[in-house]
Amino acid sequence: MPIFSFLAFPKTDMKDRLIADLSAMAYCEIKPSGNKDVLILLTDTPDEEANKNLIDAIKALNSLQSLSMAFGHTD
């Protein structure tokens, strides 16, 4: 069960859209910053293949400017 945390930066004026996009995805938990345009994204997938597919889908979001991994753990 791979568990990762990321800092997700939205494109300009797209923070709410990025929250909605990520919230619609399985295995994602989002914590928005109250005073900055950054989100903390936690992912917990059942296996490596699901994790790779999820990361690829996140990277393809039009509302995402950049994604930086802060922590990663796999069993």
N, C-alpha and C. Protein backbone atom coordinates (compact mmCIF):
# COMPACT_ATOMS: atom_id res chain seq x y z
N MET A 1 0.85 -1.17 0.00
CA MET A 1 0.00 0.00 0.00
C MET A 1 0.90 1.24 0.00
N PRO A 2 1.18 1.81 -1.16
CA PRO A 2 1.99 3.02 -1.25
C PRO A 2 1.25 4.24 -0.68
N ILE A 3 1.95 4.97 0.17
CA ILE A 3 1.42 6.19 0.75
C ILE A 3 2.38 7.32 0.41
N PHE A 4 1.83 8.41 -0.14
CA PHE A 4 2.66 9.55 -0.53
C PHE A 4 2.00 10.84 -0.09
N SER A 5 2.83 11.86 0.12
CA SER A 5 2.29 13.20 0.34
C SER A 5 2.99 14.14 -0.64
N PHE A 6 2.22 15.10 -1.12
CA PHE A 6 2.71 16.04 -2.14
C PHE A 6 2.29 17.46 -1.78
N LEU A 7 3.01 18.42 -2.29
CA LEU A 7 2.56 19.80 -2.36
C LEU A 7 2.08 20.00 -3.79
N ALA A 8 0.83 20.37 -3.93
CA ALA A 8 0.23 20.57 -5.25
C ALA A 8 -0.04 22.06 -5.43
N PHE A 9 0.53 22.63 -6.47
CA PHE A 9 0.37 24.05 -6.76
C PHE A 9 -0.57 24.21 -7.96
N PRO A 10 -1.65 24.96 -7.78
CA PRO A 10 -2.59 25.16 -8.89
C PRO A 10 -2.09 26.21 -9.86
N LYS A 11 -2.62 26.16 -11.06
CA LYS A 11 -2.38 27.27 -11.99
C LYS A 11 -3.09 28.51 -11.44
N THR A 12 -2.73 29.67 -11.93
CA THR A 12 -3.28 30.93 -11.45
C THR A 12 -4.81 30.91 -11.45
N ASP A 13 -5.37 31.28 -10.30
CA ASP A 13 -6.82 31.37 -10.10
C ASP A 13 -7.55 30.04 -10.30
N MET A 14 -6.85 28.92 -10.13
CA MET A 14 -7.49 27.61 -10.33
C MET A 14 -7.43 26.73 -9.07
N LYS A 15 -7.23 27.34 -7.90
CA LYS A 15 -7.15 26.56 -6.66
C LYS A 15 -8.43 25.77 -6.43
N ASP A 16 -9.58 26.42 -6.54
CA ASP A 16 -10.86 25.73 -6.32
C ASP A 16 -11.07 24.61 -7.32
N ARG A 17 -10.68 24.83 -8.55
CA ARG A 17 -10.82 23.80 -9.60
C ARG A 17 -9.91 22.61 -9.28
N LEU A 18 -8.68 22.87 -8.84
CA LEU A 18 -7.75 21.80 -8.49
C LEU A 18 -8.29 20.99 -7.31
N ILE A 19 -8.84 21.67 -6.31
CA ILE A 19 -9.45 20.97 -5.18
C ILE A 19 -10.56 20.05 -5.68
N ALA A 20 -11.41 20.55 -6.55
CA ALA A 20 -12.51 19.74 -7.09
C ALA A 20 -11.98 18.56 -7.91
N ASP A 21 -10.98 18.81 -8.74
CA ASP A 21 -10.40 17.74 -9.57
C ASP A 21 -9.81 16.63 -8.71
N LEU A 22 -9.02 17.00 -7.70
CA LEU A 22 -8.38 16.01 -6.85
C LEU A 22 -9.39 15.30 -5.95
N SER A 23 -10.39 16.03 -5.49
CA SER A 23 -11.42 15.44 -4.63
C SER A 23 -12.23 14.37 -5.35
N ALA A 24 -12.32 14.49 -6.66
CA ALA A 24 -13.08 13.52 -7.45
C ALA A 24 -12.30 12.23 -7.70
N MET A 25 -11.02 12.22 -7.36
CA MET A 25 -10.18 11.05 -7.62
C MET A 25 -10.15 10.12 -6.41
N ALA A 26 -10.19 8.82 -6.69
CA ALA A 26 -10.05 7.83 -5.63
C ALA A 26 -8.65 7.89 -5.04
N TYR A 27 -8.52 7.50 -3.79
CA TYR A 27 -7.25 7.38 -3.07
C TYR A 27 -6.61 8.72 -2.71
N CYS A 28 -7.33 9.83 -2.85
CA CYS A 28 -6.78 11.16 -2.58
C CYS A 28 -7.46 11.83 -1.39
N GLU A 29 -6.65 12.50 -0.57
CA GLU A 29 -7.17 13.36 0.49
C GLU A 29 -6.46 14.70 0.34
N ILE A 30 -7.22 15.79 0.35
CA ILE A 30 -6.70 17.12 0.07
C ILE A 30 -6.85 18.01 1.30
N LYS A 31 -5.79 18.74 1.61
CA LYS A 31 -5.81 19.73 2.69
C LYS A 31 -5.38 21.07 2.08
N PRO A 32 -6.31 21.98 1.79
CA PRO A 32 -5.93 23.27 1.21
C PRO A 32 -5.33 24.21 2.26
N SER A 33 -4.40 25.01 1.82
CA SER A 33 -3.84 26.06 2.68
C SER A 33 -4.86 27.18 2.81
N GLY A 34 -4.95 27.75 3.99
CA GLY A 34 -5.90 28.84 4.20
C GLY A 34 -5.42 30.18 3.67
N ASN A 35 -4.11 30.34 3.51
CA ASN A 35 -3.60 31.65 3.12
C ASN A 35 -2.65 31.63 1.92
N LYS A 36 -2.43 30.49 1.31
CA LYS A 36 -1.54 30.38 0.15
C LYS A 36 -2.20 29.53 -0.92
N ASP A 37 -1.75 29.66 -2.14
CA ASP A 37 -2.25 28.83 -3.24
C ASP A 37 -1.43 27.55 -3.33
N VAL A 38 -1.62 26.70 -2.34
CA VAL A 38 -0.95 25.40 -2.31
C VAL A 38 -1.88 24.41 -1.59
N LEU A 39 -1.81 23.17 -2.00
CA LEU A 39 -2.59 22.11 -1.38
C LEU A 39 -1.65 21.02 -0.89
N ILE A 40 -1.99 20.41 0.21
CA ILE A 40 -1.31 19.19 0.64
C ILE A 40 -2.16 18.04 0.14
N LEU A 41 -1.55 17.17 -0.61
CA LEU A 41 -2.24 16.03 -1.20
C LEU A 41 -1.68 14.75 -0.59
N LEU A 42 -2.53 13.93 0.00
CA LEU A 42 -2.15 12.63 0.53
C LEU A 42 -2.77 11.56 -0.34
N THR A 43 -1.96 10.59 -0.75
CA THR A 43 -2.48 9.48 -1.54
C THR A 43 -2.18 8.17 -0.84
N ASP A 44 -3.11 7.25 -0.92
CA ASP A 44 -2.97 5.93 -0.31
C ASP A 44 -3.62 4.93 -1.26
N THR A 45 -2.79 4.28 -2.06
CA THR A 45 -3.29 3.36 -3.09
C THR A 45 -3.04 1.91 -2.68
N PRO A 46 -3.79 0.98 -3.24
CA PRO A 46 -3.65 -0.42 -2.84
C PRO A 46 -2.38 -1.11 -3.36
N ASP A 47 -1.81 -0.61 -4.47
CA ASP A 47 -0.63 -1.25 -5.02
C ASP A 47 0.14 -0.26 -5.91
N GLU A 48 1.31 -0.69 -6.36
CA GLU A 48 2.19 0.16 -7.17
C GLU A 48 1.55 0.57 -8.50
N GLU A 49 0.84 -0.35 -9.14
CA GLU A 49 0.21 -0.02 -10.42
C GLU A 49 -0.87 1.05 -10.25
N ALA A 50 -1.70 0.93 -9.21
CA ALA A 50 -2.72 1.95 -8.94
C ALA A 50 -2.06 3.28 -8.62
N ASN A 51 -0.94 3.24 -7.91
CA ASN A 51 -0.22 4.47 -7.58
C ASN A 51 0.30 5.15 -8.85
N LYS A 52 0.91 4.38 -9.73
CA LYS A 52 1.43 4.96 -10.98
C LYS A 52 0.31 5.56 -11.81
N ASN A 53 -0.81 4.85 -11.92
CA ASN A 53 -1.95 5.36 -12.69
C ASN A 53 -2.50 6.64 -12.07
N LEU A 54 -2.58 6.69 -10.74
CA LEU A 54 -3.08 7.87 -10.07
C LEU A 54 -2.15 9.07 -10.30
N ILE A 55 -0.86 8.87 -10.14
CA ILE A 55 0.10 9.97 -10.33
C ILE A 55 0.04 10.47 -11.77
N ASP A 56 -0.07 9.58 -12.73
CA ASP A 56 -0.18 9.99 -14.13
C ASP A 56 -1.45 10.82 -14.34
N ALA A 57 -2.56 10.41 -13.73
CA ALA A 57 -3.82 11.15 -13.87
C ALA A 57 -3.72 12.52 -13.20
N ILE A 58 -3.07 12.59 -12.06
CA ILE A 58 -2.91 13.88 -11.37
C ILE A 58 -2.05 14.82 -12.22
N LYS A 59 -0.95 14.33 -12.74
CA LYS A 59 -0.06 15.15 -13.56
C LYS A 59 -0.75 15.68 -14.82
N ALA A 60 -1.77 14.98 -15.29
CA ALA A 60 -2.49 15.38 -16.51
C ALA A 60 -3.57 16.44 -16.25
N LEU A 61 -3.84 16.79 -15.00
CA LEU A 61 -4.88 17.76 -14.70
C LEU A 61 -4.53 19.14 -15.25
N ASN A 62 -5.48 19.77 -15.92
CA ASN A 62 -5.26 21.12 -16.47
C ASN A 62 -5.14 22.17 -15.38
N SER A 63 -5.67 21.91 -14.20
CA SER A 63 -5.64 22.89 -13.11
C SER A 63 -4.34 22.83 -12.31
N LEU A 64 -3.50 21.85 -12.55
CA LEU A 64 -2.25 21.66 -11.80
C LEU A 64 -1.09 22.36 -12.48
N GLN A 65 -0.37 23.18 -11.71
CA GLN A 65 0.85 23.82 -12.22
C GLN A 65 2.05 22.93 -11.94
N SER A 66 2.20 22.49 -10.67
CA SER A 66 3.31 21.61 -10.34
C SER A 66 2.96 20.74 -9.14
N LEU A 67 3.67 19.62 -9.04
CA LEU A 67 3.45 18.64 -7.99
C LEU A 67 4.81 18.25 -7.44
N SER A 68 4.99 18.41 -6.13
CA SER A 68 6.27 18.08 -5.49
C SER A 68 6.05 17.05 -4.40
N MET A 69 6.72 15.90 -4.50
CA MET A 69 6.57 14.88 -3.48
C MET A 69 7.29 15.31 -2.21
N ALA A 70 6.61 15.17 -1.07
CA ALA A 70 7.20 15.51 0.22
C ALA A 70 7.59 14.25 1.00
N PHE A 71 6.87 13.14 0.77
CA PHE A 71 7.13 11.90 1.49
C PHE A 71 6.59 10.73 0.68
N GLY A 72 7.28 9.63 0.73
CA GLY A 72 6.79 8.42 0.08
C GLY A 72 7.17 7.18 0.84
N HIS A 73 6.24 6.22 0.95
CA HIS A 73 6.50 4.96 1.63
C HIS A 73 5.74 3.85 0.91
N THR A 74 6.42 2.75 0.66
CA THR A 74 5.77 1.57 0.11
C THR A 74 6.14 0.37 0.95
N ASP A 75 5.23 -0.58 1.04
CA ASP A 75 5.51 -1.82 1.79
C ASP A 75 6.32 -2.78 0.97
